Each structure stands twice: as structure tokens, then as C-alpha cells.
């Protein structure tokens, strides 16, 4: 089974940062990892690209969000987990 993980930078006005971060943290499988000067680092996870795309739409539709930029997208598979386990100390 594949699992999709993406990181994003969400921009808002600095005076809305705390409220936007709280709204983003309330989204399922979405976590705010840091915020400063109206830039919010977000990690989103999902079982498919479609699920992530729906979450990106929800993030963009969040009140006071100005822009959303995808920084990284990774697909983690069961095969890669097994390979990591073989090389773990």
C-alpha cells in the first residue's frame, strides 16, 4: 500500500497567522510544523494523490489563506518500508 506525504508553504497575512494555523491543524491528516511572518509550514498525508489534492483544495479554501505552494511530495510504499527495515541498525 502506498502512502502519500506532502509538505507545503501556506501564506497568509501575519496578523491572521495564528487563526489560519489553528484552522489548518483542524484538518484531518494535516499538521502545522511551524509558522513565522505569515508563512506556515504544513505536512499533509493521505492514501492517494486524489486524497491529497482534496486536502490541498481545503487548505486553499481556508479563510485568510493567500497562497499555497507544494514544496515536496513523496510516496512511501510497503516495499520501501521493508527496505528501510533491512538497513536499520
PDB file of N, CA and C in Angstrom:
ATOM      1  N   UNK A   1       0.845  -1.185   0.000  1.00  0.00           N
ATOM      2  CA  UNK A   1       0.000   0.000   0.000  1.00  0.00           C
ATOM      3  C   UNK A   1       0.889   1.246   0.000  1.00  0.00           C
ATOM      4  N   UNK A   2       0.508   2.220  -0.765  1.00  0.00           N
ATOM      5  CA  UNK A   2       1.260   3.470  -0.844  1.00  0.00           C
ATOM      6  C   UNK A   2       0.660   4.491   0.112  1.00  0.00           C
ATOM      7  N   UNK A   3       1.516   5.353   0.624  1.00  0.00           N
ATOM      8  CA  UNK A   3       1.095   6.449   1.500  1.00  0.00           C
ATOM      9  C   UNK A   3       1.761   7.711   0.993  1.00  0.00           C
ATOM     10  N   UNK A   4       0.982   8.747   0.767  1.00  0.00           N
ATOM     11  CA  UNK A   4       1.480   9.994   0.211  1.00  0.00           C
ATOM     12  C   UNK A   4       1.708  11.015   1.320  1.00  0.00           C
ATOM     13  N   UNK A   5       2.863  11.657   1.271  1.00  0.00           N
ATOM     14  CA  UNK A   5       3.226  12.688   2.241  1.00  0.00           C
ATOM     15  C   UNK A   5       3.666  13.919   1.455  1.00  0.00           C
ATOM     16  N   UNK A   6       3.127  15.067   1.827  1.00  0.00           N
ATOM     17  CA  UNK A   6       3.473  16.299   1.129  1.00  0.00           C
ATOM     18  C   UNK A   6       3.749  17.404   2.133  1.00  0.00           C
ATOM     19  N   UNK A   7       4.664  18.283   1.771  1.00  0.00           N
ATOM     20  CA  UNK A   7       4.901  19.480   2.578  1.00  0.00           C
ATOM     21  C   UNK A   7       4.536  20.687   1.736  1.00  0.00           C
ATOM     22  N   UNK A   8       3.976  21.693   2.405  1.00  0.00           N
ATOM     23  CA  UNK A   8       3.519  22.895   1.728  1.00  0.00           C
ATOM     24  C   UNK A   8       3.920  24.129   2.522  1.00  0.00           C
ATOM     25  N   UNK A   9       4.017  25.234   1.811  1.00  0.00           N
ATOM     26  CA  UNK A   9       4.127  26.539   2.456  1.00  0.00           C
ATOM     27  C   UNK A   9       2.806  27.254   2.187  1.00  0.00           C
ATOM     28  N   UNK A  10       2.142  27.631   3.254  1.00  0.00           N
ATOM     29  CA  UNK A  10       0.877  28.349   3.164  1.00  0.00           C
ATOM     30  C   UNK A  10       1.150  29.776   3.604  1.00  0.00           C
ATOM     31  N   UNK A  11       0.718  30.734   2.790  1.00  0.00           N
ATOM     32  CA  UNK A  11       0.960  32.145   3.131  1.00  0.00           C
ATOM     33  C   UNK A  11      -0.347  32.819   3.496  1.00  0.00           C
ATOM     34  N   UNK A  12      -0.239  33.676   4.504  1.00  0.00           N
ATOM     35  CA  UNK A  12      -1.367  34.492   4.939  1.00  0.00           C
ATOM     36  C   UNK A  12      -0.799  35.795   5.499  1.00  0.00           C
ATOM     37  N   UNK A  13      -1.656  36.733   5.805  1.00  0.00           N
ATOM     38  CA  UNK A  13      -1.171  37.954   6.449  1.00  0.00           C
ATOM     39  C   UNK A  13      -0.697  37.589   7.851  1.00  0.00           C
ATOM     40  N   UNK A  14       0.403  38.164   8.305  1.00  0.00           N
ATOM     41  CA  UNK A  14       0.935  37.819   9.629  1.00  0.00           C
ATOM     42  C   UNK A  14      -0.075  37.968  10.759  1.00  0.00           C
ATOM     43  N   UNK A  15      -0.971  38.945  10.666  1.00  0.00           N
ATOM     44  CA  UNK A  15      -1.944  39.117  11.748  1.00  0.00           C
ATOM     45  C   UNK A  15      -3.018  38.022  11.759  1.00  0.00           C
ATOM     46  N   UNK A  16      -3.074  37.182  10.709  1.00  0.00           N
ATOM     47  CA  UNK A  16      -4.023  36.063  10.665  1.00  0.00           C
ATOM     48  C   UNK A  16      -3.332  34.717  10.897  1.00  0.00           C
ATOM     49  N   UNK A  17      -2.030  34.738  11.116  1.00  0.00           N
ATOM     50  CA  UNK A  17      -1.241  33.502  11.177  1.00  0.00           C
ATOM     51  C   UNK A  17      -1.755  32.505  12.218  1.00  0.00           C
ATOM     52  N   UNK A  18      -2.007  32.934  13.431  1.00  0.00           N
ATOM     53  CA  UNK A  18      -2.433  32.006  14.485  1.00  0.00           C
ATOM     54  C   UNK A  18      -3.784  31.379  14.151  1.00  0.00           C
ATOM     55  N   UNK A  19      -4.713  32.174  13.633  1.00  0.00           N
ATOM     56  CA  UNK A  19      -6.038  31.648  13.295  1.00  0.00           C
ATOM     57  C   UNK A  19      -5.954  30.671  12.124  1.00  0.00           C
ATOM     58  N   UNK A  20      -5.169  31.014  11.107  1.00  0.00           N
ATOM     59  CA  UNK A  20      -5.022  30.120   9.957  1.00  0.00           C
ATOM     60  C   UNK A  20      -4.350  28.821  10.390  1.00  0.00           C
ATOM     61  N   UNK A  21      -3.304  28.903  11.190  1.00  0.00           N
ATOM     62  CA  UNK A  21      -2.615  27.700  11.668  1.00  0.00           C
ATOM     63  C   UNK A  21      -3.573  26.799  12.445  1.00  0.00           C
ATOM     64  N   UNK A  22      -4.412  27.373  13.270  1.00  0.00           N
ATOM     65  CA  UNK A  22      -5.387  26.582  14.035  1.00  0.00           C
ATOM     66  C   UNK A  22      -6.380  25.901  13.097  1.00  0.00           C
ATOM     67  N   UNK A  23      -6.835  26.614  12.081  1.00  0.00           N
ATOM     68  CA  UNK A  23      -7.776  26.018  11.120  1.00  0.00           C
ATOM     69  C   UNK A  23      -7.118  24.875  10.357  1.00  0.00           C
ATOM     70  N   UNK A  24      -5.855  25.061   9.970  1.00  0.00           N
ATOM     71  CA  UNK A  24      -5.150  24.016   9.234  1.00  0.00           C
ATOM     72  C   UNK A  24      -4.918  22.788  10.105  1.00  0.00           C
ATOM     73  N   UNK A  25      -4.559  22.998  11.364  1.00  0.00           N
ATOM     74  CA  UNK A  25      -4.357  21.870  12.278  1.00  0.00           C
ATOM     75  C   UNK A  25      -5.643  21.081  12.500  1.00  0.00           C
ATOM     76  N   UNK A  26      -6.786  21.719  12.296  1.00  0.00           N
ATOM     77  CA  UNK A  26      -8.074  21.046  12.489  1.00  0.00           C
ATOM     78  C   UNK A  26      -8.424  20.113  11.330  1.00  0.00           C
ATOM     79  N   UNK A  27      -7.738  20.264  10.181  1.00  0.00           N
ATOM     80  CA  UNK A  27      -7.993  19.394   9.041  1.00  0.00           C
ATOM     81  C   UNK A  27      -7.415  18.011   9.312  1.00  0.00           C
ATOM     82  N   UNK A  28      -8.126  16.997   8.888  1.00  0.00           N
ATOM     83  CA  UNK A  28      -7.692  15.617   9.095  1.00  0.00           C
ATOM     84  C   UNK A  28      -6.376  15.350   8.362  1.00  0.00           C
ATOM     85  N   UNK A  29      -5.463  14.638   9.003  1.00  0.00           N
ATOM     86  CA  UNK A  29      -4.163  14.252   8.458  1.00  0.00           C
ATOM     87  C   UNK A  29      -3.353  15.444   7.953  1.00  0.00           C
ATOM     88  N   UNK A  30      -3.499  16.564   8.642  1.00  0.00           N
ATOM     89  CA  UNK A  30      -2.774  17.784   8.307  1.00  0.00           C
ATOM     90  C   UNK A  30      -2.165  18.335   9.587  1.00  0.00           C
ATOM     91  N   UNK A  31      -0.891  18.711   9.522  1.00  0.00           N
ATOM     92  CA  UNK A  31      -0.208  19.200  10.719  1.00  0.00           C
ATOM     93  C   UNK A  31       0.632  20.429  10.399  1.00  0.00           C
ATOM     94  N   UNK A  32       0.467  21.460  11.185  1.00  0.00           N
ATOM     95  CA  UNK A  32       1.313  22.652  11.071  1.00  0.00           C
ATOM     96  C   UNK A  32       2.606  22.362  11.817  1.00  0.00           C
ATOM     97  N   UNK A  33       3.731  22.523  11.129  1.00  0.00           N
ATOM     98  CA  UNK A  33       5.032  22.233  11.728  1.00  0.00           C
ATOM     99  C   UNK A  33       5.778  23.486  12.153  1.00  0.00           C
ATOM    100  N   UNK A  34       5.322  24.650  11.693  1.00  0.00           N
ATOM    101  CA  UNK A  34       5.962  25.897  12.075  1.00  0.00           C
ATOM    102  C   UNK A  34       5.298  27.058  11.363  1.00  0.00           C
ATOM    103  N   UNK A  35       5.457  28.243  11.944  1.00  0.00           N
ATOM    104  CA  UNK A  35       4.875  29.444  11.334  1.00  0.00           C
ATOM    105  C   UNK A  35       5.689  30.663  11.747  1.00  0.00           C
ATOM    106  N   UNK A  36       5.884  31.563  10.778  1.00  0.00           N
ATOM    107  CA  UNK A  36       6.618  32.792  11.056  1.00  0.00           C
ATOM    108  C   UNK A  36       6.356  33.788   9.929  1.00  0.00           C
ATOM    109  N   UNK A  37       6.047  35.021  10.290  1.00  0.00           N
ATOM    110  CA  UNK A  37       5.873  36.118   9.337  1.00  0.00           C
ATOM    111  C   UNK A  37       4.845  35.808   8.247  1.00  0.00           C
ATOM    112  N   UNK A  38       3.777  35.085   8.613  1.00  0.00           N
ATOM    113  CA  UNK A  38       2.730  34.781   7.637  1.00  0.00           C
ATOM    114  C   UNK A  38       3.021  33.597   6.737  1.00  0.00           C
ATOM    115  N   UNK A  39       4.085  32.881   7.005  1.00  0.00           N
ATOM    116  CA  UNK A  39       4.422  31.658   6.261  1.00  0.00           C
ATOM    117  C   UNK A  39       4.234  30.473   7.203  1.00  0.00           C
ATOM    118  N   UNK A  40       3.444  29.519   6.778  1.00  0.00           N
ATOM    119  CA  UNK A  40       3.116  28.370   7.619  1.00  0.00           C
ATOM    120  C   UNK A  40       3.574  27.099   6.904  1.00  0.00           C
ATOM    121  N   UNK A  41       4.371  26.294   7.583  1.00  0.00           N
ATOM    122  CA  UNK A  41       4.841  25.017   7.041  1.00  0.00           C
ATOM    123  C   UNK A  41       3.842  23.942   7.453  1.00  0.00           C
ATOM    124  N   UNK A  42       3.329  23.226   6.447  1.00  0.00           N
ATOM    125  CA  UNK A  42       2.270  22.244   6.680  1.00  0.00           C
ATOM    126  C   UNK A  42       2.693  20.895   6.105  1.00  0.00           C
ATOM    127  N   UNK A  43       2.407  19.834   6.837  1.00  0.00           N
ATOM    128  CA  UNK A  43       2.589  18.467   6.361  1.00  0.00           C
ATOM    129  C   UNK A  43       1.196  17.878   6.190  1.00  0.00           C
ATOM    130  N   UNK A  44       0.942  17.311   5.014  1.00  0.00           N
ATOM    131  CA  UNK A  44      -0.339  16.664   4.742  1.00  0.00           C
ATOM    132  C   UNK A  44      -0.065  15.229   4.296  1.00  0.00           C
ATOM    133  N   UNK A  45      -0.912  14.304   4.722  1.00  0.00           N
ATOM    134  CA  UNK A  45      -0.748  12.903   4.376  1.00  0.00           C
ATOM    135  C   UNK A  45      -2.047  12.350   3.828  1.00  0.00           C
ATOM    136  N   UNK A  46      -1.939  11.283   3.041  1.00  0.00           N
ATOM    137  CA  UNK A  46      -3.138  10.647   2.518  1.00  0.00           C
ATOM    138  C   UNK A  46      -2.811   9.348   1.815  1.00  0.00           C
ATOM    139  N   UNK A  47      -3.858   8.583   1.544  1.00  0.00           N
ATOM    140  CA  UNK A  47      -3.700   7.272   0.924  1.00  0.00           C
ATOM    141  C   UNK A  47      -3.544   7.344  -0.596  1.00  0.00           C
ATOM    142  N   UNK A  48      -3.826   8.519  -1.193  1.00  0.00           N
ATOM    143  CA  UNK A  48      -3.726   8.647  -2.647  1.00  0.00           C
ATOM    144  C   UNK A  48      -3.456  10.102  -3.033  1.00  0.00           C
ATOM    145  N   UNK A  49      -3.046  10.290  -4.284  1.00  0.00           N
ATOM    146  CA  UNK A  49      -2.854  11.649  -4.783  1.00  0.00           C
ATOM    147  C   UNK A  49      -4.179  12.396  -4.793  1.00  0.00           C
ATOM    148  N   UNK A  50      -5.256  11.696  -5.108  1.00  0.00           N
ATOM    149  CA  UNK A  50      -6.585  12.319  -5.117  1.00  0.00           C
ATOM    150  C   UNK A  50      -6.939  12.854  -3.726  1.00  0.00           C
ATOM    151  N   UNK A  51      -6.678  12.054  -2.707  1.00  0.00           N
ATOM    152  CA  UNK A  51      -6.955  12.478  -1.331  1.00  0.00           C
ATOM    153  C   UNK A  51      -6.132  13.725  -0.971  1.00  0.00           C
ATOM    154  N   UNK A  52      -4.858  13.729  -1.374  1.00  0.00           N
ATOM    155  CA  UNK A  52      -4.028  14.907  -1.120  1.00  0.00           C
ATOM    156  C   UNK A  52      -4.557  16.119  -1.878  1.00  0.00           C
ATOM    157  N   UNK A  53      -4.963  15.926  -3.124  1.00  0.00           N
ATOM    158  CA  UNK A  53      -5.491  17.038  -3.914  1.00  0.00           C
ATOM    159  C   UNK A  53      -6.733  17.635  -3.255  1.00  0.00           C
ATOM    160  N   UNK A  54      -7.585  16.787  -2.708  1.00  0.00           N
ATOM    161  CA  UNK A  54      -8.757  17.283  -1.988  1.00  0.00           C
ATOM    162  C   UNK A  54      -8.337  18.101  -0.761  1.00  0.00           C
ATOM    163  N   UNK A  55      -7.302  17.640  -0.063  1.00  0.00           N
ATOM    164  CA  UNK A  55      -6.820  18.364   1.103  1.00  0.00           C
ATOM    165  C   UNK A  55      -6.212  19.696   0.702  1.00  0.00           C
ATOM    166  N   UNK A  56      -5.464  19.723  -0.412  1.00  0.00           N
ATOM    167  CA  UNK A  56      -4.897  20.984  -0.904  1.00  0.00           C
ATOM    168  C   UNK A  56      -6.017  21.977  -1.214  1.00  0.00           C
ATOM    169  N   UNK A  57      -7.104  21.479  -1.820  1.00  0.00           N
ATOM    170  CA  UNK A  57      -8.245  22.352  -2.105  1.00  0.00           C
ATOM    171  C   UNK A  57      -8.836  22.908  -0.814  1.00  0.00           C
ATOM    172  N   UNK A  58      -8.927  22.059   0.213  1.00  0.00           N
ATOM    173  CA  UNK A  58      -9.460  22.510   1.502  1.00  0.00           C
ATOM    174  C   UNK A  58      -8.540  23.551   2.137  1.00  0.00           C
ATOM    175  N   UNK A  59      -7.235  23.359   1.994  1.00  0.00           N
ATOM    176  CA  UNK A  59      -6.274  24.325   2.542  1.00  0.00           C
ATOM    177  C   UNK A  59      -6.407  25.657   1.815  1.00  0.00           C
ATOM    178  N   UNK A  60      -6.470  25.600   0.471  1.00  0.00           N
ATOM    179  CA  UNK A  60      -6.620  26.837  -0.313  1.00  0.00           C
ATOM    180  C   UNK A  60      -7.918  27.563   0.016  1.00  0.00           C
ATOM    181  N   UNK A  61      -8.964  26.813   0.370  1.00  0.00           N
ATOM    182  CA  UNK A  61     -10.273  27.407   0.675  1.00  0.00           C
ATOM    183  C   UNK A  61     -10.369  27.904   2.114  1.00  0.00           C
ATOM    184  N   UNK A  62      -9.348  27.655   2.922  1.00  0.00           N
ATOM    185  CA  UNK A  62      -9.356  28.088   4.321  1.00  0.00           C
ATOM    186  C   UNK A  62      -9.373  29.620   4.374  1.00  0.00           C
ATOM    187  N   UNK A  63     -10.268  30.186   5.184  1.00  0.00           N
ATOM    188  CA  UNK A  63     -10.319  31.653   5.275  1.00  0.00           C
ATOM    189  C   UNK A  63      -8.956  32.259   5.614  1.00  0.00           C
ATOM    190  N   UNK A  64      -8.635  33.348   4.949  1.00  0.00           N
ATOM    191  CA  UNK A  64      -7.413  34.139   5.138  1.00  0.00           C
ATOM    192  C   UNK A  64      -6.161  33.529   4.520  1.00  0.00           C
ATOM    193  N   UNK A  65      -6.258  32.378   3.841  1.00  0.00           N
ATOM    194  CA  UNK A  65      -5.106  31.828   3.121  1.00  0.00           C
ATOM    195  C   UNK A  65      -4.962  32.594   1.815  1.00  0.00           C
ATOM    196  N   UNK A  66      -3.750  33.087   1.552  1.00  0.00           N
ATOM    197  CA  UNK A  66      -3.494  33.830   0.314  1.00  0.00           C
ATOM    198  C   UNK A  66      -2.949  32.914  -0.777  1.00  0.00           C
ATOM    199  N   UNK A  67      -1.919  32.105  -0.450  1.00  0.00           N
ATOM    200  CA  UNK A  67      -1.337  31.189  -1.427  1.00  0.00           C
ATOM    201  C   UNK A  67      -0.940  29.892  -0.744  1.00  0.00           C
ATOM    202  N   UNK A  68      -0.847  28.855  -1.561  1.00  0.00           N
ATOM    203  CA  UNK A  68      -0.400  27.543  -1.090  1.00  0.00           C
ATOM    204  C   UNK A  68       0.572  26.998  -2.123  1.00  0.00           C
ATOM    205  N   UNK A  69       1.785  26.647  -1.691  1.00  0.00           N
ATOM    206  CA  UNK A  69       2.801  26.132  -2.599  1.00  0.00           C
ATOM    207  C   UNK A  69       3.279  24.761  -2.138  1.00  0.00           C
ATOM    208  N   UNK A  70       3.233  23.797  -3.056  1.00  0.00           N
ATOM    209  CA  UNK A  70       3.748  22.465  -2.773  1.00  0.00           C
ATOM    210  C   UNK A  70       5.271  22.526  -2.775  1.00  0.00           C
ATOM    211  N   UNK A  71       5.877  22.013  -1.724  1.00  0.00           N
ATOM    212  CA  UNK A  71       7.333  22.006  -1.615  1.00  0.00           C
ATOM    213  C   UNK A  71       7.889  20.625  -1.939  1.00  0.00           C
ATOM    214  N   UNK A  72       7.229  19.591  -1.437  1.00  0.00           N
ATOM    215  CA  UNK A  72       7.734  18.230  -1.617  1.00  0.00           C
ATOM    216  C   UNK A  72       6.575  17.255  -1.573  1.00  0.00           C
ATOM    217  N   UNK A  73       6.629  16.218  -2.408  1.00  0.00           N
ATOM    218  CA  UNK A  73       5.648  15.137  -2.390  1.00  0.00           C
ATOM    219  C   UNK A  73       6.412  13.831  -2.469  1.00  0.00           C
ATOM    220  N   UNK A  74       6.104  12.930  -1.560  1.00  0.00           N
ATOM    221  CA  UNK A  74       6.791  11.645  -1.507  1.00  0.00           C
ATOM    222  C   UNK A  74       5.761  10.537  -1.395  1.00  0.00           C
ATOM    223  N   UNK A  75       6.039   9.418  -2.063  1.00  0.00           N
ATOM    224  CA  UNK A  75       5.167   8.254  -1.965  1.00  0.00           C
ATOM    225  C   UNK A  75       5.939   7.177  -1.234  1.00  0.00           C
ATOM    226  N   UNK A  76       5.408   6.787  -0.099  1.00  0.00           N
ATOM    227  CA  UNK A  76       6.030   5.743   0.712  1.00  0.00           C
ATOM    228  C   UNK A  76       5.250   4.454   0.477  1.00  0.00           C
ATOM    229  N   UNK A  77       5.942   3.397   0.114  1.00  0.00           N
ATOM    230  CA  UNK A  77       5.277   2.122  -0.152  1.00  0.00           C
ATOM    231  C   UNK A  77       5.714   1.091   0.872  1.00  0.00           C
ATOM    232  N   UNK A  78       4.967   0.013   0.947  1.00  0.00           N
ATOM    233  CA  UNK A  78       5.339  -1.079   1.850  1.00  0.00           C
ATOM    234  C   UNK A  78       6.724  -1.603   1.492  1.00  0.00           C
ATOM    235  N   UNK A  79       7.043  -1.636   0.188  1.00  0.00           N
ATOM    236  CA  UNK A  79       8.356  -2.112  -0.251  1.00  0.00           C
ATOM    237  C   UNK A  79       9.474  -1.237   0.309  1.00  0.00           C
ATOM    238  N   UNK A  80       9.274   0.073   0.301  1.00  0.00           N
ATOM    239  CA  UNK A  80      10.313   0.968   0.807  1.00  0.00           C
ATOM    240  C   UNK A  80      10.456   0.816   2.318  1.00  0.00           C
ATOM    241  N   UNK A  81       9.346   0.543   3.011  1.00  0.00           N
ATOM    242  CA  UNK A  81       9.430   0.319   4.468  1.00  0.00           C
ATOM    243  C   UNK A  81      10.247  -0.931   4.753  1.00  0.00           C
ATOM    244  N   UNK A  82      10.037  -1.992   3.973  1.00  0.00           N
ATOM    245  CA  UNK A  82      10.794  -3.230   4.171  1.00  0.00           C
ATOM    246  C   UNK A  82      12.276  -2.993   3.895  1.00  0.00           C
ATOM    247  N   UNK A  83      12.573  -2.218   2.856  1.00  0.00           N
ATOM    248  CA  UNK A  83      13.969  -1.909   2.541  1.00  0.00           C
ATOM    249  C   UNK A  83      14.611  -1.094   3.647  1.00  0.00           C
ATOM    250  N   UNK A  84      13.885  -0.130   4.205  1.00  0.00           N
ATOM    251  CA  UNK A  84      14.417   0.663   5.313  1.00  0.00           C
ATOM    252  C   UNK A  84      14.677  -0.221   6.533  1.00  0.00           C
ATOM    253  N   UNK A  85      13.791  -1.151   6.788  1.00  0.00           N
ATOM    254  CA  UNK A  85      13.933  -2.026   7.955  1.00  0.00           C
ATOM    255  C   UNK A  85      15.162  -2.911   7.819  1.00  0.00           C
ATOM    256  N   UNK A  86      15.474  -3.348   6.588  1.00  0.00           N
ATOM    257  CA  UNK A  86      16.639  -4.199   6.379  1.00  0.00           C
ATOM    258  C   UNK A  86      17.949  -3.455   6.661  1.00  0.00           C
ATOM    259  N   UNK A  87      17.957  -2.145   6.440  1.00  0.00           N
ATOM    260  CA  UNK A  87      19.181  -1.363   6.603  1.00  0.00           C
ATOM    261  C   UNK A  87      19.246  -0.643   7.952  1.00  0.00           C
ATOM    262  N   UNK A  88      18.223  -0.814   8.762  1.00  0.00           N
ATOM    263  CA  UNK A  88      18.207  -0.151  10.077  1.00  0.00           C
ATOM    264  C   UNK A  88      19.217  -0.809  11.005  1.00  0.00           C
ATOM    265  N   UNK A  89      19.828  -0.039  11.875  1.00  0.00           N
ATOM    266  CA  UNK A  89      20.824  -0.614  12.799  1.00  0.00           C
ATOM    267  C   UNK A  89      20.191  -1.530  13.829  1.00  0.00           C
TER     268      UNK A  89
END
